[in-house]
């Protein structure tokens, strides 16, 4: 895989460089609530612009239905990119149409343009190779060189991620190079103890990675909504908590395998429960109780790990040499149910080991809860991509960057 440093060494002045970024930022009424992904691609964009390239930045945002939708416009991301660069950024209101060509043709060396949401064109996500290829051809006409730096999308076989690199000289940007280097530390020559903390809503989203990590990790700490399927598999009442009944056989098998392999698989010993899901808009105080994990009332829902579990998990993270954390421990968006996630994040901050926050909601939680990002070894920009890499899958976007 060639890197951007090799491209810069060859010289890019005056060349049109297409940067496939991940600007899929969360928006609330058109306002960006977390600009982490924009800041993550900044080193690549800045290095190219400083070297005199004409930089064309492209990304998806959200899940529009293959047609323009103002709710998913990249304009706010383009404006924020300009603020971070300290220079104007042109914005094209289409992907491969007249506006895109006009914006690119108007670039001077060292200038940057952002084209509109790639998913406004059905060819971007099409499962039909010909339709995807036709869109990739039209994107290729905008540029001379391709730089892949949207790590959060490399697990997708999409036109701008998979097909376009085959049509242009291609290189990995700084973010992708960093992400791959970090993930190798989690899969090759791992320093031990290796502790993995997994949370989030659905256990089904994590089954494959648990399957892989049972042979690699020393400890697995389970929290979030997915924990209640594990607790139910142990025969506990889980009330109206999130539950995937169909996953109980798989979860049971994993717990049995963990015991045979000598892997510590820890579940919450106490939880915060409430009869009503919290109001995430007003953040109004909730009525809740703390109960042992085997004493959840039938009419209540588990919403966070309890204080004894926080203490237990922090102790299991304290001596770790390598930590991977993906998924919040509870409904961290509400202050009443954020303490579990905060405790895990603090344990990573306090750790002397190599700590990786696995993107997605975990990265959002770190920022929402006010932690210094530099206190962690690495905060990934791609939750799904990170998990699939750890599952041992071939990621199309990375394969496309290989020579």
Protein backbone atom coordinates (compact mmCIF):
# COMPACT_ATOMS: atom_id res chain seq x y z
CA UNK A 1 0.00 0.00 0.00
CA UNK A 2 1.57 3.26 -1.11
CA UNK A 3 1.22 6.17 1.28
CA UNK A 4 0.68 9.87 0.82
CA UNK A 5 4.32 10.51 1.73
CA UNK A 6 5.35 8.70 -1.47
CA UNK A 7 2.89 10.81 -3.45
CA UNK A 8 4.22 14.02 -1.93
CA UNK A 9 7.80 12.95 -2.64
CA UNK A 10 6.92 12.56 -6.33
CA UNK A 11 5.36 16.04 -6.36
CA UNK A 12 1.69 17.00 -6.61
CA UNK A 13 1.83 20.68 -7.53
CA UNK A 14 -1.00 21.46 -9.92
CA UNK A 15 -2.38 17.90 -9.84
CA UNK A 16 -6.05 17.24 -9.06
CA UNK A 17 -6.06 14.96 -6.04
CA UNK A 18 -9.32 13.24 -5.08
CA UNK A 19 -9.44 12.62 -1.31
CA UNK A 20 -12.09 10.14 -0.22
CA UNK A 21 -12.64 11.37 3.33
CA UNK A 22 -15.16 10.44 6.00
CA UNK A 23 -17.08 13.61 6.79
CA UNK A 24 -20.06 11.66 8.09
CA UNK A 25 -20.51 13.94 11.08
CA UNK A 26 -23.55 14.08 13.37
CA UNK A 27 -25.86 17.01 12.69
CA UNK A 28 -28.58 18.61 14.82
CA UNK A 29 -30.72 21.11 12.90
CA UNK A 30 -27.90 21.59 10.41
CA UNK A 31 -25.27 22.15 13.10
CA UNK A 32 -22.33 19.78 13.54
CA UNK A 33 -22.31 18.33 17.06
CA UNK A 34 -18.98 16.49 16.77
CA UNK A 35 -16.33 17.50 14.19
CA UNK A 36 -13.88 14.71 15.07
CA UNK A 37 -14.02 13.09 11.65
CA UNK A 38 -13.31 16.38 9.89
CA UNK A 39 -10.33 17.05 12.12
CA UNK A 40 -9.09 13.51 11.47
CA UNK A 41 -8.67 14.10 7.70
CA UNK A 42 -7.16 17.55 8.18
CA UNK A 43 -3.48 16.44 8.11
CA UNK A 44 -3.94 14.79 4.71
CA UNK A 45 -5.86 17.69 3.16
CA UNK A 46 -3.45 20.27 4.56
CA UNK A 47 -0.34 18.39 3.42
CA UNK A 48 -1.69 18.12 -0.14
CA UNK A 49 -2.79 21.75 -0.26
CA UNK A 50 0.54 22.94 1.15
CA UNK A 51 2.29 20.95 -1.59
CA UNK A 52 0.29 22.77 -4.28
CA UNK A 53 -2.29 20.11 -5.13
CA UNK A 54 -5.80 20.96 -6.24
CA UNK A 55 -7.64 19.02 -3.56
CA UNK A 56 -11.10 17.54 -4.16
CA UNK A 57 -12.65 16.21 -0.96
CA UNK A 58 -15.54 13.76 -1.20
CA UNK A 59 -17.57 11.87 1.37
CA UNK A 60 -20.95 10.44 2.26
CA UNK A 61 -23.15 11.68 5.10
CA UNK A 62 -26.02 9.68 6.54
CA UNK A 63 -28.22 7.39 4.46
CA UNK A 64 -30.00 9.37 1.75
CA UNK A 65 -31.90 7.27 -0.78
CA UNK A 66 -29.67 7.84 -3.81
CA UNK A 67 -31.09 11.30 -4.47
CA UNK A 68 -30.40 14.84 -3.18
CA UNK A 69 -31.76 15.50 0.29
CA UNK A 70 -30.99 18.85 1.99
CA UNK A 71 -30.98 17.16 5.40
CA UNK A 72 -27.84 15.26 4.39
CA UNK A 73 -25.95 18.01 2.58
CA UNK A 74 -22.19 18.19 3.15
CA UNK A 75 -22.27 21.99 3.15
CA UNK A 76 -21.89 22.27 6.97
CA UNK A 77 -18.91 19.90 6.82
CA UNK A 78 -17.34 21.89 3.99
CA UNK A 79 -17.72 25.11 5.95
CA UNK A 80 -16.18 23.54 9.04
CA UNK A 81 -13.28 22.17 6.98
CA UNK A 82 -12.62 25.69 5.72
CA UNK A 83 -12.61 27.02 9.28
CA UNK A 84 -10.12 24.38 10.38
CA UNK A 85 -7.89 24.97 7.35
CA UNK A 86 -8.09 28.72 7.79
CA UNK A 87 -8.79 29.08 4.07
CA UNK A 88 -11.85 29.21 1.81
CA UNK A 89 -13.22 25.87 0.63
CA UNK A 90 -15.30 25.74 -2.54
CA UNK A 91 -18.50 23.69 -2.41
CA UNK A 92 -20.12 21.94 -5.35
CA UNK A 93 -23.85 21.30 -5.08
CA UNK A 94 -23.66 18.06 -7.03
CA UNK A 95 -21.30 15.06 -7.20
CA UNK A 96 -20.27 14.67 -10.84
CA UNK A 97 -22.42 17.27 -12.60
CA UNK A 98 -21.75 20.81 -13.83
CA UNK A 99 -21.27 22.23 -10.33
CA UNK A 100 -18.59 19.66 -9.47
CA UNK A 101 -16.69 20.29 -12.71
CA UNK A 102 -16.97 24.05 -12.28
CA UNK A 103 -15.64 23.86 -8.71
CA UNK A 104 -12.72 21.64 -9.70
CA UNK A 105 -11.88 23.65 -12.82
CA UNK A 106 -11.81 26.79 -10.69
CA UNK A 107 -9.23 25.45 -8.23
CA UNK A 108 -5.79 26.98 -8.13
CA UNK A 109 -2.81 25.02 -6.75
CA UNK A 110 -3.17 24.79 -2.98
CA UNK A 111 -6.95 25.25 -2.96
CA UNK A 112 -9.63 22.84 -1.76
CA UNK A 113 -13.14 21.97 -2.93
CA UNK A 114 -15.76 19.68 -1.40
CA UNK A 115 -18.29 17.98 -3.65
CA UNK A 116 -21.80 17.13 -2.47
CA UNK A 117 -22.76 13.94 -0.64
CA UNK A 118 -21.70 10.96 -2.75
CA UNK A 119 -24.79 9.01 -1.72
CA UNK A 120 -26.98 11.53 -3.53
CA UNK A 121 -26.02 9.45 -6.59
CA UNK A 122 -27.42 5.87 -6.63
CA UNK A 123 -24.23 4.63 -8.29
CA UNK A 124 -22.24 5.16 -5.09
CA UNK A 125 -23.87 2.35 -3.12
CA UNK A 126 -25.27 0.23 -5.97
CA UNK A 127 -24.81 -3.52 -5.78
CA UNK A 128 -24.67 -3.56 -9.59
CA UNK A 129 -21.02 -3.50 -10.67
CA UNK A 130 -21.79 -1.69 -13.92
CA UNK A 131 -23.79 1.08 -12.26
CA UNK A 132 -21.15 1.53 -9.60
CA UNK A 133 -18.41 1.50 -12.23
CA UNK A 134 -20.15 4.14 -14.31
CA UNK A 135 -20.29 6.47 -11.32
CA UNK A 136 -16.64 5.73 -10.54
CA UNK A 137 -15.74 6.64 -14.15
CA UNK A 138 -17.44 10.01 -13.74
CA UNK A 139 -15.65 10.65 -10.44
CA UNK A 140 -12.33 9.67 -12.02
CA UNK A 141 -12.83 12.35 -14.68
CA UNK A 142 -12.52 14.97 -11.91
CA UNK A 143 -9.04 13.94 -10.78
CA UNK A 144 -5.53 12.77 -11.61
CA UNK A 145 -4.74 10.94 -8.35
CA UNK A 146 -6.75 9.18 -5.63
CA UNK A 147 -6.02 9.32 -1.90
CA UNK A 148 -8.09 7.06 0.34
CA UNK A 149 -8.50 8.53 3.81
CA UNK A 150 -12.08 7.71 4.81
CA UNK A 151 -11.40 4.87 7.22
CA UNK A 152 -15.00 4.83 8.43
CA UNK A 153 -16.09 3.68 4.96
CA UNK A 154 -13.38 1.15 4.00
CA UNK A 155 -15.62 -1.79 4.92
CA UNK A 156 -18.06 -0.73 2.17
CA UNK A 157 -17.85 -1.90 -1.46
CA UNK A 158 -18.91 1.52 -2.71
CA UNK A 159 -17.89 3.29 -5.90
CA UNK A 160 -15.72 5.97 -4.29
CA UNK A 161 -14.11 3.49 -1.90
CA UNK A 162 -13.63 0.36 -3.98
CA UNK A 163 -14.05 1.09 -7.71
CA UNK A 164 -12.47 4.53 -8.04
CA UNK A 165 -8.97 3.59 -6.81
CA UNK A 166 -8.70 1.09 -9.69
CA UNK A 167 -9.13 3.95 -12.15
CA UNK A 168 -6.44 6.30 -10.77
CA UNK A 169 -2.99 6.11 -9.19
CA UNK A 170 -3.89 5.49 -5.55
CA UNK A 171 -2.39 6.12 -2.14
CA UNK A 172 -3.38 5.80 1.52
CA UNK A 173 -3.79 9.04 3.44
CA UNK A 174 -2.38 9.68 6.89
CA UNK A 175 -5.55 8.66 8.71
CA UNK A 176 -5.88 5.27 7.04
CA UNK A 177 -2.18 4.56 7.53
CA UNK A 178 -2.54 5.39 11.22
CA UNK A 179 -5.72 3.34 11.67
CA UNK A 180 -4.21 0.26 10.02
CA UNK A 181 -1.08 0.58 12.14
CA UNK A 182 -3.16 0.74 15.31
CA UNK A 183 -5.31 -2.24 14.36
CA UNK A 184 -2.20 -4.31 13.70
CA UNK A 185 -1.18 -3.62 17.30
CA UNK A 186 -4.49 -5.17 18.34
CA UNK A 187 -4.05 -8.29 16.21
CA UNK A 188 -0.31 -8.93 15.85
CA UNK A 189 2.26 -9.20 18.67
CA UNK A 190 -0.23 -7.90 21.22
CA UNK A 191 1.14 -6.80 24.59
CA UNK A 192 -0.66 -8.47 27.48
CA UNK A 193 -2.85 -8.40 29.45
CA UNK A 194 -5.14 -7.59 26.51
CA UNK A 195 -8.54 -6.35 27.68
CA UNK A 196 -11.54 -5.67 25.44
CA UNK A 197 -14.56 -3.70 26.65
CA UNK A 198 -17.66 -4.08 24.49
CA UNK A 199 -20.96 -2.23 24.83
CA UNK A 200 -23.66 -0.78 22.63
CA UNK A 201 -27.21 -1.80 21.97
CA UNK A 202 -27.17 -5.05 19.98
CA UNK A 203 -25.21 -8.15 20.80
CA UNK A 204 -25.70 -9.28 17.17
CA UNK A 205 -23.45 -6.42 16.04
CA UNK A 206 -20.61 -7.79 18.16
CA UNK A 207 -20.94 -11.58 17.83
CA UNK A 208 -18.32 -11.94 15.10
CA UNK A 209 -15.76 -9.82 16.92
CA UNK A 210 -16.38 -11.70 20.18
CA UNK A 211 -15.86 -14.93 18.27
CA UNK A 212 -12.44 -13.72 17.08
CA UNK A 213 -11.37 -12.11 20.34
CA UNK A 214 -12.08 -15.21 22.41
CA UNK A 215 -8.86 -16.58 20.98
CA UNK A 216 -6.87 -13.39 21.45
CA UNK A 217 -8.03 -11.34 24.45
CA UNK A 218 -7.36 -12.15 28.09
CA UNK A 219 -10.51 -10.43 29.36
CA UNK A 220 -13.81 -9.35 27.83
CA UNK A 221 -15.91 -6.80 29.71
CA UNK A 222 -19.53 -6.66 28.53
CA UNK A 223 -21.85 -3.69 29.06
CA UNK A 224 -24.53 -1.63 27.34
CA UNK A 225 -27.76 -3.00 25.96
CA UNK A 226 -26.02 -6.11 24.68
CA UNK A 227 -25.27 -7.22 28.24
CA UNK A 228 -28.91 -8.11 28.91
CA UNK A 229 -28.86 -10.93 26.35
CA UNK A 230 -25.88 -12.39 28.23
CA UNK A 231 -27.66 -11.97 31.56
CA UNK A 232 -30.79 -13.61 30.16
CA UNK A 233 -28.63 -16.50 28.91
CA UNK A 234 -27.57 -17.00 32.54
CA UNK A 235 -31.24 -17.36 33.45
CA UNK A 236 -31.71 -13.90 34.95
CA UNK A 237 -34.83 -11.77 34.66
CA UNK A 238 -34.01 -8.71 32.52
CA UNK A 239 -37.38 -6.97 32.60
CA UNK A 240 -38.02 -4.72 29.60
CA UNK A 241 -34.31 -4.26 28.90
CA UNK A 242 -32.93 -4.59 25.38
CA UNK A 243 -32.92 -8.27 24.56
CA UNK A 244 -32.18 -10.39 21.48
CA UNK A 245 -33.75 -13.74 22.31
CA UNK A 246 -32.52 -15.30 19.08
CA UNK A 247 -28.90 -14.65 20.08
CA UNK A 248 -29.09 -16.47 23.42
CA UNK A 249 -27.74 -19.80 22.02
CA UNK A 250 -24.72 -18.04 20.50
CA UNK A 251 -24.09 -16.04 23.67
CA UNK A 252 -24.32 -19.20 25.78
CA UNK A 253 -21.80 -20.94 23.54
CA UNK A 254 -19.38 -18.00 23.81
CA UNK A 255 -19.60 -17.97 27.60
CA UNK A 256 -18.87 -21.71 27.68
CA UNK A 257 -15.96 -21.32 25.25
CA UNK A 258 -14.50 -18.44 27.23
CA UNK A 259 -14.48 -20.61 30.35
CA UNK A 260 -12.71 -23.46 28.51
CA UNK A 261 -10.12 -21.09 27.04
CA UNK A 262 -9.44 -19.38 30.35
CA UNK A 263 -10.67 -16.02 29.05
CA UNK A 264 -12.37 -13.87 31.67
CA UNK A 265 -15.78 -12.86 30.31
CA UNK A 266 -17.25 -10.41 32.78
CA UNK A 267 -20.87 -9.27 32.94
CA UNK A 268 -22.44 -6.49 35.00
CA UNK A 269 -22.99 -7.37 38.65
CA UNK A 270 -25.34 -4.43 39.19
CA UNK A 271 -27.31 -2.10 36.92
CA UNK A 272 -29.31 1.10 36.95
CA UNK A 273 -32.96 0.43 36.12
CA UNK A 274 -35.97 2.59 35.37
CA UNK A 275 -39.58 2.12 34.28
CA UNK A 276 -39.17 4.76 31.59
CA UNK A 277 -36.48 5.50 29.01
CA UNK A 278 -34.86 8.90 29.76
CA UNK A 279 -35.71 12.05 27.82
CA UNK A 280 -32.58 12.70 25.76
CA UNK A 281 -33.78 16.08 24.51
CA UNK A 282 -34.56 17.87 27.75
CA UNK A 283 -32.20 15.74 29.89
CA UNK A 284 -34.85 15.93 32.61
CA UNK A 285 -33.92 13.89 35.72
CA UNK A 286 -35.05 10.27 35.66
CA UNK A 287 -36.41 8.09 38.40
CA UNK A 288 -34.16 5.06 38.69
CA UNK A 289 -32.85 2.46 41.12
CA UNK A 290 -29.64 0.46 41.39
CA UNK A 291 -30.18 -3.29 41.65
CA UNK A 292 -28.06 -6.43 41.44
CA UNK A 293 -27.90 -7.83 37.93
CA UNK A 294 -29.98 -10.86 38.94
CA UNK A 295 -32.67 -8.71 40.57
CA UNK A 296 -33.94 -6.60 37.67
CA UNK A 297 -37.70 -6.03 38.15
CA UNK A 298 -39.93 -7.40 35.40
CA UNK A 299 -41.38 -3.96 34.63
CA UNK A 300 -38.07 -2.06 34.47
CA UNK A 301 -35.27 -1.53 31.97
CA UNK A 302 -31.53 -1.65 32.52
CA UNK A 303 -29.94 1.64 31.34
CA UNK A 304 -26.38 1.61 32.70
CA UNK A 305 -23.92 -0.50 34.62
CA UNK A 306 -23.99 0.10 38.37
CA UNK A 307 -21.30 1.36 40.78
CA UNK A 308 -20.03 -2.11 41.74
CA UNK A 309 -19.63 -3.00 38.07
CA UNK A 310 -17.83 0.28 37.36
CA UNK A 311 -15.37 -0.51 40.12
CA UNK A 312 -14.95 -4.10 38.91
CA UNK A 313 -14.34 -3.10 35.30
CA UNK A 314 -11.91 -0.35 36.28
CA UNK A 315 -9.91 -2.90 38.28
CA UNK A 316 -9.83 -5.28 35.31
CA UNK A 317 -8.53 -2.49 33.08
CA UNK A 318 -5.94 -1.18 35.54
CA UNK A 319 -3.08 -3.55 34.66
CA UNK A 320 -3.86 -3.88 30.94
CA UNK A 321 -1.03 -3.40 28.46
CA UNK A 322 -3.48 -3.27 25.53
CA UNK A 323 -7.12 -2.11 25.62
CA UNK A 324 -9.75 -1.95 22.91
CA UNK A 325 -13.09 -0.35 23.80
CA UNK A 326 -16.10 -0.28 21.49
CA UNK A 327 -19.59 0.69 22.60
CA UNK A 328 -20.95 2.69 25.56
CA UNK A 329 -21.85 1.01 28.83
CA UNK A 330 -25.24 2.72 29.04
CA UNK A 331 -27.37 5.58 27.76
CA UNK A 332 -24.46 8.01 28.08
CA UNK A 333 -26.39 10.79 26.33
CA UNK A 334 -28.32 11.33 29.57
CA UNK A 335 -26.37 12.42 32.67
CA UNK A 336 -28.19 9.95 34.94
CA UNK A 337 -26.91 7.01 32.89
CA UNK A 338 -23.49 8.24 31.77
CA UNK A 339 -21.43 7.14 34.77
CA UNK A 340 -20.72 3.62 33.48
CA UNK A 341 -19.35 4.86 30.18
CA UNK A 342 -17.45 7.60 32.02
CA UNK A 343 -15.88 5.04 34.35
CA UNK A 344 -14.58 2.93 31.46
CA UNK A 345 -13.24 5.99 29.67
CA UNK A 346 -11.50 7.15 32.86
CA UNK A 347 -9.97 3.71 33.33
CA UNK A 348 -8.46 3.99 29.85
CA UNK A 349 -7.14 7.46 30.64
CA UNK A 350 -5.57 6.13 33.86
CA UNK A 351 -4.05 3.11 32.10
CA UNK A 352 -0.35 2.93 31.30
CA UNK A 353 -1.10 0.57 28.42
CA UNK A 354 -1.91 1.18 24.76
CA UNK A 355 -5.58 2.24 24.66
CA UNK A 356 -7.82 2.33 21.61
CA UNK A 357 -11.32 3.80 21.50
CA UNK A 358 -13.08 2.01 18.67
CA UNK A 359 -14.95 4.82 16.97
CA UNK A 360 -18.71 5.29 16.63
CA UNK A 361 -20.62 5.97 19.83
CA UNK A 362 -17.51 5.34 21.95
CA UNK A 363 -15.65 8.20 20.28
CA UNK A 364 -18.73 10.41 20.55
CA UNK A 365 -19.02 9.56 24.25
CA UNK A 366 -15.40 10.50 24.92
CA UNK A 367 -16.01 13.95 23.45
CA UNK A 368 -19.49 14.39 24.92
CA UNK A 369 -18.26 13.54 28.41
CA UNK A 370 -15.42 16.05 28.17
CA UNK A 371 -12.35 13.82 28.05
CA UNK A 372 -9.09 15.02 26.51
CA UNK A 373 -8.70 13.04 23.30
CA UNK A 374 -4.93 13.09 23.69
CA UNK A 375 -5.28 11.06 26.89
CA UNK A 376 -6.05 7.95 24.80
CA UNK A 377 -3.61 6.02 22.65
CA UNK A 378 -5.90 6.30 19.64
CA UNK A 379 -9.51 7.24 18.91
CA UNK A 380 -10.67 5.51 15.76
CA UNK A 381 -12.92 7.20 13.22
CA UNK A 382 -14.51 3.97 12.07
CA UNK A 383 -16.47 1.82 14.50
CA UNK A 384 -17.82 -0.66 11.95
CA UNK A 385 -14.57 -0.75 9.98
CA UNK A 386 -12.53 -1.35 13.14
CA UNK A 387 -14.79 -4.21 14.20
CA UNK A 388 -14.68 -5.88 10.79
CA UNK A 389 -10.89 -5.63 10.72
CA UNK A 390 -10.73 -7.29 14.14
CA UNK A 391 -13.14 -9.95 12.89
CA UNK A 392 -10.50 -10.84 10.29
CA UNK A 393 -12.55 -9.71 7.31
CA UNK A 394 -11.03 -8.28 4.14
CA UNK A 395 -12.06 -4.63 3.91
CA UNK A 396 -12.81 -3.62 0.29
CA UNK A 397 -11.48 -0.08 0.70
CA UNK A 398 -8.15 -1.30 2.04
CA UNK A 399 -7.86 -4.04 -0.56
CA UNK A 400 -8.42 -1.43 -3.27
CA UNK A 401 -5.44 0.58 -2.04
CA UNK A 402 -3.09 -2.39 -2.29
CA UNK A 403 -0.92 -2.54 -5.40
